[in-house]
Amino acid sequence: MKRITRREFVAAVGAAGLAAGAHAQQGGTGEGHEFRAVKPPAPSDAPAGKVEVVEFFWYGCPHCYALEPVLKDWLKRLPPEIAFRKAHVPWQVQAHQQLYFTLETMDKALALEDKVFAAIHVDRNKLDTPDAMADLVAKNGVDRKQFLDTYQSFGVRTRMQRATQLAAAYQIDGVPTLGVAGRFVTSPSMTGSNAAALKVVEQLVARVRKGA
């Protein structure tokens, strides 16, 4: 299973000169195949006693869209020791990152994520302008003016900056990617399937809790 990589982003917009490393696709298990260590470790905001898991994603990524139903099922039975959150990457359509953090700021990201993914991948609505985004959220019960005001706010731009910094600290080169405790990353492309990637996440969480 592939991921959307930076190389594919660049090709899509006709740019050049941005290198993108690809994770190993060959078979095998363990570090370098199913996961890699993050060196130096990335920051983690997990509460005491919790292990943070971060999904790095992009609304426009078809592989992120395919992961969603599997991820939602996993989150329903989320182990209590895991603190999960999402981080939208800034690549390709940066407005999508701004859309995500606007909805997060308004506490609407979870409620509307299916609508956003469906608009892009089913309805072929690029959602690449504030007006297009505002039209969608207004149809789903969100005040249009409040959305547009929040979209342009300093708080949203701060969240975008922090997510971009976190992706850089994790050395993210493609999405979807799952970061664990600032120490490891795994992905469906490394493990062979969405379900397998989440199983590796659980194994890495157990490893962190054991202090390994």
N, C-alpha and C. Protein backbone atom coordinates (compact mmCIF):
# COMPACT_ATOMS: atom_id res chain seq x y z
N MET A 1 0.85 -1.19 0.00
CA MET A 1 0.00 0.00 0.00
C MET A 1 0.88 1.24 0.00
N LYS A 2 0.59 2.15 -0.93
CA LYS A 2 1.41 3.34 -1.06
C LYS A 2 0.96 4.44 -0.11
N ARG A 3 1.82 5.44 0.01
CA ARG A 3 1.45 6.67 0.67
C ARG A 3 1.65 7.80 -0.32
N ILE A 4 1.02 8.93 -0.07
CA ILE A 4 1.31 10.13 -0.83
C ILE A 4 2.62 10.70 -0.28
N THR A 5 3.60 10.85 -1.13
CA THR A 5 4.90 11.35 -0.70
C THR A 5 5.12 12.77 -1.18
N ARG A 6 6.16 13.41 -0.65
CA ARG A 6 6.49 14.75 -1.10
C ARG A 6 6.81 14.76 -2.59
N ARG A 7 7.46 13.71 -3.07
CA ARG A 7 7.80 13.65 -4.48
C ARG A 7 6.54 13.70 -5.34
N GLU A 8 5.50 12.99 -4.89
CA GLU A 8 4.24 13.00 -5.63
C GLU A 8 3.56 14.35 -5.54
N PHE A 9 3.71 15.02 -4.39
CA PHE A 9 3.15 16.37 -4.26
C PHE A 9 3.80 17.31 -5.27
N VAL A 10 5.13 17.25 -5.33
CA VAL A 10 5.87 18.14 -6.21
C VAL A 10 5.51 17.86 -7.66
N ALA A 11 5.44 16.59 -8.03
CA ALA A 11 5.09 16.24 -9.40
C ALA A 11 3.71 16.75 -9.76
N ALA A 12 2.80 16.72 -8.79
CA ALA A 12 1.43 17.12 -9.05
C ALA A 12 1.32 18.59 -9.40
N VAL A 13 2.21 19.42 -8.88
CA VAL A 13 2.12 20.85 -9.14
C VAL A 13 3.21 21.33 -10.09
N GLY A 14 3.97 20.39 -10.65
CA GLY A 14 4.97 20.73 -11.65
C GLY A 14 6.20 21.42 -11.09
N ALA A 15 6.44 21.29 -9.78
CA ALA A 15 7.62 21.89 -9.18
C ALA A 15 8.78 20.92 -9.28
N ALA A 16 9.96 21.41 -8.92
CA ALA A 16 11.14 20.55 -8.99
C ALA A 16 12.10 20.90 -7.89
N GLY A 17 12.99 19.97 -7.62
CA GLY A 17 14.09 20.24 -6.70
C GLY A 17 13.83 19.87 -5.26
N LEU A 18 12.67 19.31 -4.95
CA LEU A 18 12.41 18.91 -3.57
C LEU A 18 12.64 17.42 -3.45
N ALA A 19 13.62 17.04 -2.66
CA ALA A 19 13.91 15.62 -2.50
C ALA A 19 12.96 15.01 -1.50
N ALA A 20 12.62 13.77 -1.76
CA ALA A 20 11.76 13.05 -0.83
C ALA A 20 12.24 11.63 -0.71
N GLY A 21 12.68 11.26 0.49
CA GLY A 21 13.09 9.88 0.70
C GLY A 21 11.89 8.99 0.80
N ALA A 22 12.01 7.80 0.30
CA ALA A 22 10.92 6.83 0.37
C ALA A 22 11.25 5.78 1.40
N HIS A 23 10.25 5.40 2.20
CA HIS A 23 10.46 4.33 3.15
C HIS A 23 10.71 3.03 2.42
N ALA A 24 11.44 2.14 3.05
CA ALA A 24 11.70 0.85 2.45
C ALA A 24 10.41 0.09 2.22
N GLN A 25 10.27 -0.51 1.03
CA GLN A 25 9.08 -1.24 0.67
C GLN A 25 9.31 -2.75 0.70
N GLN A 26 10.55 -3.17 0.87
CA GLN A 26 10.82 -4.59 0.84
C GLN A 26 10.23 -5.31 2.04
N GLY A 27 10.14 -6.62 1.95
CA GLY A 27 9.56 -7.41 3.02
C GLY A 27 10.45 -7.45 4.24
N GLY A 28 9.95 -8.11 5.26
CA GLY A 28 10.72 -8.22 6.49
C GLY A 28 9.99 -7.56 7.63
N THR A 29 10.50 -7.75 8.83
CA THR A 29 9.88 -7.17 10.00
C THR A 29 10.91 -6.43 10.82
N GLY A 30 10.44 -5.65 11.79
CA GLY A 30 11.34 -4.96 12.69
C GLY A 30 11.76 -3.61 12.17
N GLU A 31 12.71 -3.00 12.89
CA GLU A 31 13.15 -1.65 12.55
C GLU A 31 13.73 -1.61 11.14
N GLY A 32 13.34 -0.57 10.41
CA GLY A 32 13.78 -0.43 9.03
C GLY A 32 12.82 -1.04 8.04
N HIS A 33 11.94 -1.90 8.52
CA HIS A 33 10.94 -2.52 7.65
C HIS A 33 9.53 -2.12 8.07
N GLU A 34 9.16 -2.42 9.30
CA GLU A 34 7.82 -2.09 9.79
C GLU A 34 7.78 -0.77 10.55
N PHE A 35 8.91 -0.29 10.99
CA PHE A 35 8.97 1.00 11.66
C PHE A 35 10.40 1.52 11.60
N ARG A 36 10.56 2.81 11.93
CA ARG A 36 11.90 3.36 12.07
C ARG A 36 11.96 4.22 13.32
N ALA A 37 13.14 4.33 13.87
CA ALA A 37 13.36 5.18 15.04
C ALA A 37 13.53 6.63 14.60
N VAL A 38 13.09 7.55 15.43
CA VAL A 38 13.24 8.98 15.16
C VAL A 38 14.42 9.48 15.97
N LYS A 39 15.45 9.97 15.28
CA LYS A 39 16.67 10.43 15.94
C LYS A 39 17.07 11.79 15.37
N PRO A 40 17.15 12.80 16.24
CA PRO A 40 16.80 12.80 17.67
C PRO A 40 15.29 12.70 17.85
N PRO A 41 14.84 12.32 19.04
CA PRO A 41 13.40 12.17 19.27
C PRO A 41 12.65 13.49 19.05
N ALA A 42 11.43 13.36 18.58
CA ALA A 42 10.55 14.52 18.41
C ALA A 42 9.85 14.83 19.73
N PRO A 43 9.37 16.05 19.90
CA PRO A 43 8.65 16.38 21.15
C PRO A 43 7.33 15.64 21.25
N SER A 44 6.87 15.41 22.47
CA SER A 44 5.60 14.75 22.71
C SER A 44 4.83 15.52 23.77
N ASP A 45 3.52 15.68 23.54
CA ASP A 45 2.67 16.43 24.47
C ASP A 45 1.74 15.51 25.27
N ALA A 46 2.09 14.25 25.38
CA ALA A 46 1.21 13.31 26.06
C ALA A 46 1.08 13.63 27.54
N PRO A 47 -0.12 13.48 28.10
CA PRO A 47 -0.29 13.64 29.55
C PRO A 47 0.50 12.58 30.29
N ALA A 48 0.73 12.81 31.56
CA ALA A 48 1.47 11.85 32.38
C ALA A 48 0.81 10.48 32.33
N GLY A 49 1.62 9.46 32.14
CA GLY A 49 1.11 8.09 32.10
C GLY A 49 0.56 7.66 30.76
N LYS A 50 0.59 8.55 29.77
CA LYS A 50 0.08 8.24 28.44
C LYS A 50 1.22 8.21 27.42
N VAL A 51 1.00 7.48 26.34
CA VAL A 51 1.93 7.46 25.21
C VAL A 51 1.24 8.12 24.03
N GLU A 52 1.85 9.15 23.49
CA GLU A 52 1.23 9.89 22.40
C GLU A 52 1.40 9.16 21.06
N VAL A 53 0.30 9.08 20.31
CA VAL A 53 0.31 8.59 18.94
C VAL A 53 -0.25 9.70 18.06
N VAL A 54 0.50 10.06 17.03
CA VAL A 54 0.11 11.14 16.13
C VAL A 54 -0.07 10.59 14.73
N GLU A 55 -1.23 10.85 14.13
CA GLU A 55 -1.39 10.52 12.72
C GLU A 55 -1.10 11.77 11.89
N PHE A 56 -0.08 11.69 11.06
CA PHE A 56 0.22 12.75 10.10
C PHE A 56 -0.55 12.43 8.82
N PHE A 57 -1.34 13.40 8.36
CA PHE A 57 -2.22 13.12 7.23
C PHE A 57 -2.44 14.38 6.39
N TRP A 58 -3.11 14.19 5.25
CA TRP A 58 -3.53 15.28 4.38
C TRP A 58 -4.93 14.95 3.89
N TYR A 59 -5.85 15.90 3.97
CA TYR A 59 -7.22 15.67 3.53
C TYR A 59 -7.27 15.15 2.08
N GLY A 60 -6.38 15.66 1.24
CA GLY A 60 -6.41 15.29 -0.17
C GLY A 60 -5.75 13.97 -0.50
N CYS A 61 -5.18 13.30 0.47
CA CYS A 61 -4.46 12.05 0.25
C CYS A 61 -5.43 10.88 0.17
N PRO A 62 -5.48 10.15 -0.96
CA PRO A 62 -6.42 9.02 -1.06
C PRO A 62 -6.09 7.89 -0.09
N HIS A 63 -4.81 7.74 0.28
CA HIS A 63 -4.42 6.69 1.22
C HIS A 63 -4.83 7.06 2.65
N CYS A 64 -4.81 8.35 2.96
CA CYS A 64 -5.33 8.81 4.26
C CYS A 64 -6.83 8.57 4.33
N TYR A 65 -7.52 8.82 3.21
CA TYR A 65 -8.96 8.58 3.14
C TYR A 65 -9.26 7.10 3.34
N ALA A 66 -8.45 6.23 2.74
CA ALA A 66 -8.65 4.78 2.88
C ALA A 66 -8.38 4.31 4.30
N LEU A 67 -7.46 4.98 5.00
CA LEU A 67 -7.14 4.61 6.38
C LEU A 67 -8.26 4.96 7.34
N GLU A 68 -9.04 5.99 7.04
CA GLU A 68 -10.01 6.54 7.99
C GLU A 68 -10.95 5.50 8.62
N PRO A 69 -11.63 4.66 7.84
CA PRO A 69 -12.56 3.72 8.50
C PRO A 69 -11.86 2.73 9.42
N VAL A 70 -10.65 2.30 9.04
CA VAL A 70 -9.89 1.38 9.88
C VAL A 70 -9.43 2.09 11.15
N LEU A 71 -9.00 3.33 10.99
CA LEU A 71 -8.56 4.13 12.14
C LEU A 71 -9.72 4.39 13.09
N LYS A 72 -10.89 4.72 12.55
CA LYS A 72 -12.05 5.00 13.40
C LYS A 72 -12.42 3.76 14.23
N ASP A 73 -12.37 2.60 13.61
CA ASP A 73 -12.67 1.37 14.33
C ASP A 73 -11.66 1.14 15.45
N TRP A 74 -10.40 1.41 15.16
CA TRP A 74 -9.32 1.24 16.15
C TRP A 74 -9.52 2.22 17.30
N LEU A 75 -9.91 3.44 16.99
CA LEU A 75 -10.11 4.44 18.04
C LEU A 75 -11.26 4.09 18.97
N LYS A 76 -12.22 3.33 18.49
CA LYS A 76 -13.34 2.91 19.34
C LYS A 76 -12.87 2.00 20.47
N ARG A 77 -11.79 1.29 20.24
CA ARG A 77 -11.25 0.38 21.25
C ARG A 77 -9.83 0.80 21.65
N LEU A 78 -9.61 2.11 21.64
CA LEU A 78 -8.28 2.65 21.91
C LEU A 78 -7.81 2.25 23.31
N PRO A 79 -6.64 1.65 23.40
CA PRO A 79 -6.11 1.31 24.72
C PRO A 79 -5.99 2.57 25.59
N PRO A 80 -6.29 2.48 26.87
CA PRO A 80 -6.33 3.67 27.73
C PRO A 80 -4.98 4.37 27.88
N GLU A 81 -3.89 3.65 27.60
CA GLU A 81 -2.57 4.26 27.75
C GLU A 81 -2.17 5.12 26.56
N ILE A 82 -3.00 5.15 25.50
CA ILE A 82 -2.67 5.91 24.30
C ILE A 82 -3.40 7.25 24.27
N ALA A 83 -2.67 8.33 24.01
CA ALA A 83 -3.24 9.65 23.76
C ALA A 83 -3.08 9.91 22.27
N PHE A 84 -4.19 9.92 21.54
CA PHE A 84 -4.15 10.03 20.08
C PHE A 84 -4.50 11.44 19.63
N ARG A 85 -3.82 11.90 18.59
CA ARG A 85 -4.19 13.16 17.95
C ARG A 85 -3.75 13.14 16.49
N LYS A 86 -4.27 14.08 15.72
CA LYS A 86 -3.92 14.20 14.32
C LYS A 86 -3.10 15.45 14.08
N ALA A 87 -2.26 15.40 13.05
CA ALA A 87 -1.49 16.56 12.64
C ALA A 87 -1.52 16.63 11.12
N HIS A 88 -2.18 17.64 10.59
CA HIS A 88 -2.28 17.81 9.14
C HIS A 88 -0.99 18.41 8.61
N VAL A 89 -0.38 17.77 7.61
CA VAL A 89 0.86 18.27 7.05
C VAL A 89 0.59 19.47 6.14
N PRO A 90 1.62 20.30 5.86
CA PRO A 90 1.43 21.51 5.06
C PRO A 90 1.63 21.31 3.57
N TRP A 91 1.92 20.12 3.14
CA TRP A 91 2.28 19.89 1.73
C TRP A 91 1.10 20.08 0.78
N GLN A 92 1.44 20.29 -0.48
CA GLN A 92 0.50 20.37 -1.59
C GLN A 92 -0.50 21.49 -1.40
N VAL A 93 -1.70 21.21 -0.95
CA VAL A 93 -2.73 22.24 -0.76
C VAL A 93 -2.66 22.72 0.68
N GLN A 94 -1.87 23.76 0.92
CA GLN A 94 -1.67 24.22 2.30
C GLN A 94 -2.98 24.69 2.92
N ALA A 95 -3.91 25.12 2.07
CA ALA A 95 -5.21 25.56 2.59
C ALA A 95 -5.92 24.43 3.33
N HIS A 96 -5.64 23.18 2.96
CA HIS A 96 -6.26 22.06 3.66
C HIS A 96 -5.76 21.97 5.10
N GLN A 97 -4.48 22.28 5.32
CA GLN A 97 -3.97 22.31 6.68
C GLN A 97 -4.67 23.40 7.48
N GLN A 98 -4.86 24.55 6.84
CA GLN A 98 -5.55 25.65 7.51
C GLN A 98 -7.00 25.29 7.81
N LEU A 99 -7.64 24.56 6.88
CA LEU A 99 -9.01 24.10 7.10
C LEU A 99 -9.07 23.18 8.31
N TYR A 100 -8.15 22.22 8.39
CA TYR A 100 -8.18 21.27 9.50
C TYR A 100 -8.05 21.98 10.84
N PHE A 101 -7.07 22.88 10.95
CA PHE A 101 -6.85 23.52 12.24
C PHE A 101 -7.92 24.57 12.56
N THR A 102 -8.60 25.07 11.54
CA THR A 102 -9.77 25.91 11.81
C THR A 102 -10.87 25.08 12.45
N LEU A 103 -11.14 23.92 11.86
CA LEU A 103 -12.16 23.04 12.42
C LEU A 103 -11.77 22.53 13.80
N GLU A 104 -10.49 22.23 13.99
CA GLU A 104 -10.03 21.79 15.30
C GLU A 104 -10.23 22.88 16.34
N THR A 105 -9.89 24.12 15.98
CA THR A 105 -10.06 25.25 16.88
C THR A 105 -11.53 25.43 17.27
N MET A 106 -12.41 25.15 16.31
CA MET A 106 -13.85 25.29 16.55
C MET A 106 -14.46 24.03 17.16
N ASP A 107 -13.62 23.05 17.43
CA ASP A 107 -14.08 21.76 17.98
C ASP A 107 -15.05 21.07 17.02
N LYS A 108 -14.74 21.16 15.73
CA LYS A 108 -15.59 20.56 14.69
C LYS A 108 -14.81 19.57 13.82
N ALA A 109 -13.54 19.37 14.08
CA ALA A 109 -12.71 18.54 13.19
C ALA A 109 -13.22 17.11 13.14
N LEU A 110 -13.51 16.53 14.29
CA LEU A 110 -13.98 15.15 14.33
C LEU A 110 -15.36 15.02 13.70
N ALA A 111 -16.24 15.95 14.00
CA ALA A 111 -17.61 15.87 13.50
C ALA A 111 -17.69 16.02 11.99
N LEU A 112 -16.76 16.78 11.40
CA LEU A 112 -16.86 17.08 9.97
C LEU A 112 -15.81 16.38 9.11
N GLU A 113 -14.93 15.58 9.70
CA GLU A 113 -13.86 15.02 8.89
C GLU A 113 -14.39 14.12 7.78
N ASP A 114 -15.43 13.34 8.04
CA ASP A 114 -16.00 12.50 6.99
C ASP A 114 -16.58 13.35 5.85
N LYS A 115 -17.20 14.47 6.20
CA LYS A 115 -17.76 15.37 5.19
C LYS A 115 -16.65 15.97 4.32
N VAL A 116 -15.55 16.34 4.95
CA VAL A 116 -14.44 16.94 4.21
C VAL A 116 -13.81 15.90 3.28
N PHE A 117 -13.51 14.73 3.81
CA PHE A 117 -12.92 13.68 2.98
C PHE A 117 -13.84 13.33 1.81
N ALA A 118 -15.14 13.20 2.07
CA ALA A 118 -16.09 12.84 1.01
C ALA A 118 -16.19 13.94 -0.05
N ALA A 119 -16.17 15.19 0.39
CA ALA A 119 -16.24 16.30 -0.56
C ALA A 119 -15.07 16.23 -1.54
N ILE A 120 -13.88 15.95 -1.03
CA ILE A 120 -12.68 15.93 -1.87
C ILE A 120 -12.61 14.67 -2.73
N HIS A 121 -12.83 13.51 -2.11
CA HIS A 121 -12.57 12.24 -2.81
C HIS A 121 -13.77 11.64 -3.51
N VAL A 122 -14.97 12.02 -3.11
CA VAL A 122 -16.18 11.50 -3.76
C VAL A 122 -16.80 12.55 -4.67
N ASP A 123 -16.97 13.76 -4.15
CA ASP A 123 -17.62 14.82 -4.92
C ASP A 123 -16.65 15.59 -5.80
N ARG A 124 -15.37 15.34 -5.65
CA ARG A 124 -14.33 16.02 -6.45
C ARG A 124 -14.34 17.53 -6.26
N ASN A 125 -14.65 17.94 -5.05
CA ASN A 125 -14.58 19.35 -4.67
C ASN A 125 -13.20 19.56 -4.05
N LYS A 126 -12.38 20.37 -4.68
CA LYS A 126 -11.00 20.54 -4.22
C LYS A 126 -10.90 21.21 -2.85
N LEU A 127 -11.92 21.94 -2.46
CA LEU A 127 -11.89 22.68 -1.18
C LEU A 127 -10.57 23.45 -1.02
N ASP A 128 -10.20 24.17 -2.05
CA ASP A 128 -8.92 24.87 -2.03
C ASP A 128 -9.06 26.38 -1.89
N THR A 129 -10.28 26.85 -1.57
CA THR A 129 -10.49 28.27 -1.30
C THR A 129 -11.32 28.40 -0.02
N PRO A 130 -11.16 29.51 0.71
CA PRO A 130 -11.96 29.70 1.91
C PRO A 130 -13.46 29.68 1.64
N ASP A 131 -13.89 30.22 0.50
CA ASP A 131 -15.31 30.23 0.19
C ASP A 131 -15.86 28.83 -0.01
N ALA A 132 -15.11 27.98 -0.71
CA ALA A 132 -15.55 26.60 -0.93
C ALA A 132 -15.65 25.86 0.41
N MET A 133 -14.68 26.11 1.27
CA MET A 133 -14.71 25.48 2.59
C MET A 133 -15.90 25.98 3.41
N ALA A 134 -16.10 27.29 3.37
CA ALA A 134 -17.20 27.88 4.14
C ALA A 134 -18.55 27.38 3.65
N ASP A 135 -18.68 27.19 2.34
CA ASP A 135 -19.93 26.64 1.80
C ASP A 135 -20.20 25.24 2.37
N LEU A 136 -19.14 24.41 2.42
CA LEU A 136 -19.30 23.05 2.91
C LEU A 136 -19.68 23.02 4.39
N VAL A 137 -18.94 23.77 5.20
CA VAL A 137 -19.22 23.71 6.64
C VAL A 137 -20.56 24.34 6.98
N ALA A 138 -20.95 25.39 6.21
CA ALA A 138 -22.25 26.02 6.46
C ALA A 138 -23.38 25.04 6.19
N LYS A 139 -23.21 24.16 5.19
CA LYS A 139 -24.22 23.15 4.89
C LYS A 139 -24.32 22.12 6.01
N ASN A 140 -23.31 22.11 6.87
CA ASN A 140 -23.27 21.13 7.95
C ASN A 140 -23.34 21.77 9.33
N GLY A 141 -24.03 22.91 9.38
CA GLY A 141 -24.39 23.49 10.66
C GLY A 141 -23.38 24.42 11.30
N VAL A 142 -22.32 24.81 10.58
CA VAL A 142 -21.31 25.71 11.15
C VAL A 142 -21.55 27.12 10.64
N ASP A 143 -21.51 28.09 11.53
CA ASP A 143 -21.72 29.49 11.16
C ASP A 143 -20.64 29.93 10.18
N ARG A 144 -21.04 30.41 9.02
CA ARG A 144 -20.10 30.75 7.95
C ARG A 144 -19.12 31.85 8.38
N LYS A 145 -19.65 32.92 8.96
CA LYS A 145 -18.78 34.04 9.36
C LYS A 145 -17.80 33.61 10.44
N GLN A 146 -18.30 32.83 11.41
CA GLN A 146 -17.41 32.37 12.47
C GLN A 146 -16.29 31.50 11.88
N PHE A 147 -16.64 30.67 10.92
CA PHE A 147 -15.63 29.84 10.28
C PHE A 147 -14.57 30.70 9.59
N LEU A 148 -15.00 31.67 8.78
CA LEU A 148 -14.06 32.50 8.04
C LEU A 148 -13.19 33.35 8.97
N ASP A 149 -13.78 33.84 10.05
CA ASP A 149 -13.00 34.61 11.02
C ASP A 149 -11.95 33.73 11.69
N THR A 150 -12.36 32.53 12.05
CA THR A 150 -11.43 31.61 12.70
C THR A 150 -10.34 31.18 11.73
N TYR A 151 -10.71 30.97 10.48
CA TYR A 151 -9.76 30.55 9.43
C TYR A 151 -8.58 31.53 9.31
N GLN A 152 -8.86 32.80 9.50
CA GLN A 152 -7.83 33.83 9.36
C GLN A 152 -7.17 34.18 10.69
N SER A 153 -7.47 33.46 11.74
CA SER A 153 -7.01 33.85 13.07
C SER A 153 -5.56 33.49 13.34
N PHE A 154 -4.97 34.22 14.27
CA PHE A 154 -3.59 33.95 14.69
C PHE A 154 -3.48 32.58 15.33
N GLY A 155 -4.49 32.19 16.08
CA GLY A 155 -4.45 30.90 16.75
C GLY A 155 -4.34 29.74 15.78
N VAL A 156 -5.08 29.81 14.67
CA VAL A 156 -5.01 28.75 13.66
C VAL A 156 -3.63 28.72 13.02
N ARG A 157 -3.09 29.87 12.71
CA ARG A 157 -1.76 29.90 12.09
C ARG A 157 -0.70 29.36 13.06
N THR A 158 -0.88 29.60 14.34
CA THR A 158 0.05 29.05 15.33
C THR A 158 -0.03 27.53 15.35
N ARG A 159 -1.23 26.98 15.30
CA ARG A 159 -1.40 25.53 15.27
C ARG A 159 -0.77 24.94 14.01
N MET A 160 -0.94 25.62 12.88
CA MET A 160 -0.33 25.16 11.63
C MET A 160 1.19 25.11 11.75
N GLN A 161 1.75 26.15 12.33
CA GLN A 161 3.20 26.22 12.49
C GLN A 161 3.70 25.10 13.38
N ARG A 162 3.00 24.84 14.47
CA ARG A 162 3.43 23.78 15.37
C ARG A 162 3.34 22.41 14.71
N ALA A 163 2.29 22.19 13.93
CA ALA A 163 2.15 20.90 13.23
C ALA A 163 3.25 20.73 12.20
N THR A 164 3.60 21.80 11.51
CA THR A 164 4.67 21.74 10.52
C THR A 164 6.00 21.44 11.19
N GLN A 165 6.25 22.06 12.33
CA GLN A 165 7.47 21.80 13.08
C GLN A 165 7.52 20.37 13.58
N LEU A 166 6.35 19.84 14.01
CA LEU A 166 6.31 18.47 14.50
C LEU A 166 6.59 17.48 13.37
N ALA A 167 6.01 17.72 12.21
CA ALA A 167 6.27 16.85 11.06
C ALA A 167 7.75 16.85 10.70
N ALA A 168 8.38 18.01 10.79
CA ALA A 168 9.82 18.10 10.52
C ALA A 168 10.61 17.34 11.57
N ALA A 169 10.21 17.45 12.83
CA ALA A 169 10.92 16.77 13.91
C ALA A 169 10.81 15.25 13.77
N TYR A 170 9.67 14.79 13.30
CA TYR A 170 9.46 13.35 13.07
C TYR A 170 10.08 12.90 11.74
N GLN A 171 10.56 13.86 10.95
CA GLN A 171 11.15 13.57 9.64
C GLN A 171 10.15 12.87 8.72
N ILE A 172 8.94 13.41 8.71
CA ILE A 172 7.87 12.83 7.92
C ILE A 172 8.13 13.09 6.43
N ASP A 173 8.11 12.01 5.64
CA ASP A 173 8.32 12.15 4.21
C ASP A 173 7.15 11.63 3.38
N GLY A 174 6.08 11.25 4.04
CA GLY A 174 4.90 10.78 3.33
C GLY A 174 3.74 10.60 4.29
N VAL A 175 2.54 10.52 3.74
CA VAL A 175 1.36 10.31 4.56
C VAL A 175 0.48 9.24 3.93
N PRO A 176 -0.28 8.51 4.77
CA PRO A 176 -0.36 8.62 6.23
C PRO A 176 0.84 7.99 6.92
N THR A 177 1.26 8.62 8.00
CA THR A 177 2.32 8.10 8.85
C THR A 177 1.87 8.25 10.30
N LEU A 178 2.23 7.28 11.12
CA LEU A 178 1.85 7.29 12.53
C LEU A 178 3.11 7.42 13.39
N GLY A 179 3.15 8.46 14.21
CA GLY A 179 4.27 8.69 15.11
C GLY A 179 3.94 8.21 16.51
N VAL A 180 4.91 7.64 17.18
CA VAL A 180 4.70 7.10 18.52
C VAL A 180 5.70 7.69 19.50
N ALA A 181 5.20 8.47 20.46
CA ALA A 181 5.98 8.98 21.58
C ALA A 181 7.19 9.81 21.16
N GLY A 182 7.17 10.34 19.95
CA GLY A 182 8.31 11.09 19.46
C GLY A 182 9.50 10.23 19.12
N ARG A 183 9.36 8.90 19.25
CA ARG A 183 10.51 8.01 19.11
C ARG A 183 10.46 7.11 17.88
N PHE A 184 9.27 6.83 17.37
CA PHE A 184 9.14 5.89 16.27
C PHE A 184 8.09 6.37 15.27
N VAL A 185 8.22 5.90 14.02
CA VAL A 185 7.16 6.08 13.04
C VAL A 185 6.93 4.77 12.31
N THR A 186 5.67 4.57 11.93
CA THR A 186 5.30 3.44 11.10
C THR A 186 4.24 3.92 10.14
N SER A 187 3.88 3.08 9.16
CA SER A 187 2.90 3.47 8.16
C SER A 187 2.39 2.23 7.45
N PRO A 188 1.23 2.35 6.79
CA PRO A 188 0.75 1.22 6.00
C PRO A 188 1.73 0.80 4.91
N SER A 189 2.47 1.75 4.36
CA SER A 189 3.43 1.38 3.31
C SER A 189 4.58 0.54 3.85
N MET A 190 4.89 0.72 5.13
CA MET A 190 5.97 -0.05 5.74
C MET A 190 5.49 -1.43 6.20
N THR A 191 4.25 -1.50 6.65
CA THR A 191 3.75 -2.75 7.23
C THR A 191 2.96 -3.61 6.25
N GLY A 192 2.49 -2.99 5.16
CA GLY A 192 1.76 -3.74 4.15
C GLY A 192 0.26 -3.55 4.17
N SER A 193 -0.29 -2.99 5.26
CA SER A 193 -1.73 -2.74 5.31
C SER A 193 -2.05 -1.74 6.42
N ASN A 194 -3.24 -1.16 6.36
CA ASN A 194 -3.67 -0.23 7.40
C ASN A 194 -3.77 -0.91 8.75
N ALA A 195 -4.39 -2.08 8.77
CA ALA A 195 -4.55 -2.80 10.04
C ALA A 195 -3.21 -3.18 10.65
N ALA A 196 -2.29 -3.61 9.80
CA ALA A 196 -0.96 -3.99 10.30
C ALA A 196 -0.23 -2.80 10.88
N ALA A 197 -0.40 -1.62 10.29
CA ALA A 197 0.26 -0.42 10.81
C ALA A 197 -0.22 -0.10 12.22
N LEU A 198 -1.51 -0.24 12.45
CA LEU A 198 -2.06 0.03 13.78
C LEU A 198 -1.62 -1.03 14.79
N LYS A 199 -1.44 -2.25 14.33
CA LYS A 199 -0.91 -3.29 15.21
C LYS A 199 0.53 -2.96 15.62
N VAL A 200 1.32 -2.47 14.67
CA VAL A 200 2.70 -2.08 14.99
C VAL A 200 2.69 -0.91 15.97
N VAL A 201 1.75 0.02 15.80
CA VAL A 201 1.62 1.13 16.75
C VAL A 201 1.43 0.58 18.16
N GLU A 202 0.55 -0.37 18.32
CA GLU A 202 0.31 -0.94 19.64
C GLU A 202 1.57 -1.60 20.20
N GLN A 203 2.33 -2.27 19.34
CA GLN A 203 3.57 -2.91 19.78
C GLN A 203 4.60 -1.87 20.20
N LEU A 204 4.65 -0.76 19.46
CA LEU A 204 5.60 0.30 19.80
C LEU A 204 5.19 1.01 21.10
N VAL A 205 3.90 1.17 21.30
CA VAL A 205 3.42 1.76 22.56
C VAL A 205 3.83 0.88 23.72
N ALA A 206 3.66 -0.44 23.59
CA ALA A 206 4.06 -1.36 24.64
C ALA A 206 5.56 -1.28 24.89
N ARG A 207 6.31 -1.11 23.84
CA ARG A 207 7.77 -1.00 23.97
C ARG A 207 8.13 0.28 24.74
N VAL A 208 7.48 1.36 24.42
CA VAL A 208 7.76 2.63 25.12
C VAL A 208 7.41 2.50 26.60
N ARG A 209 6.28 1.88 26.89
CA ARG A 209 5.85 1.75 28.28
C ARG A 209 6.79 0.86 29.09
N LYS A 210 7.45 -0.06 28.41
CA LYS A 210 8.42 -0.90 29.09
C LYS A 210 9.78 -0.23 29.24
N GLY A 211 9.91 0.96 28.62
CA GLY A 211 11.16 1.68 28.69
C GLY A 211 12.20 1.19 27.72
N ALA A 212 11.77 0.43 26.71
CA ALA A 212 12.70 -0.14 25.74
C ALA A 212 13.03 0.88 24.65
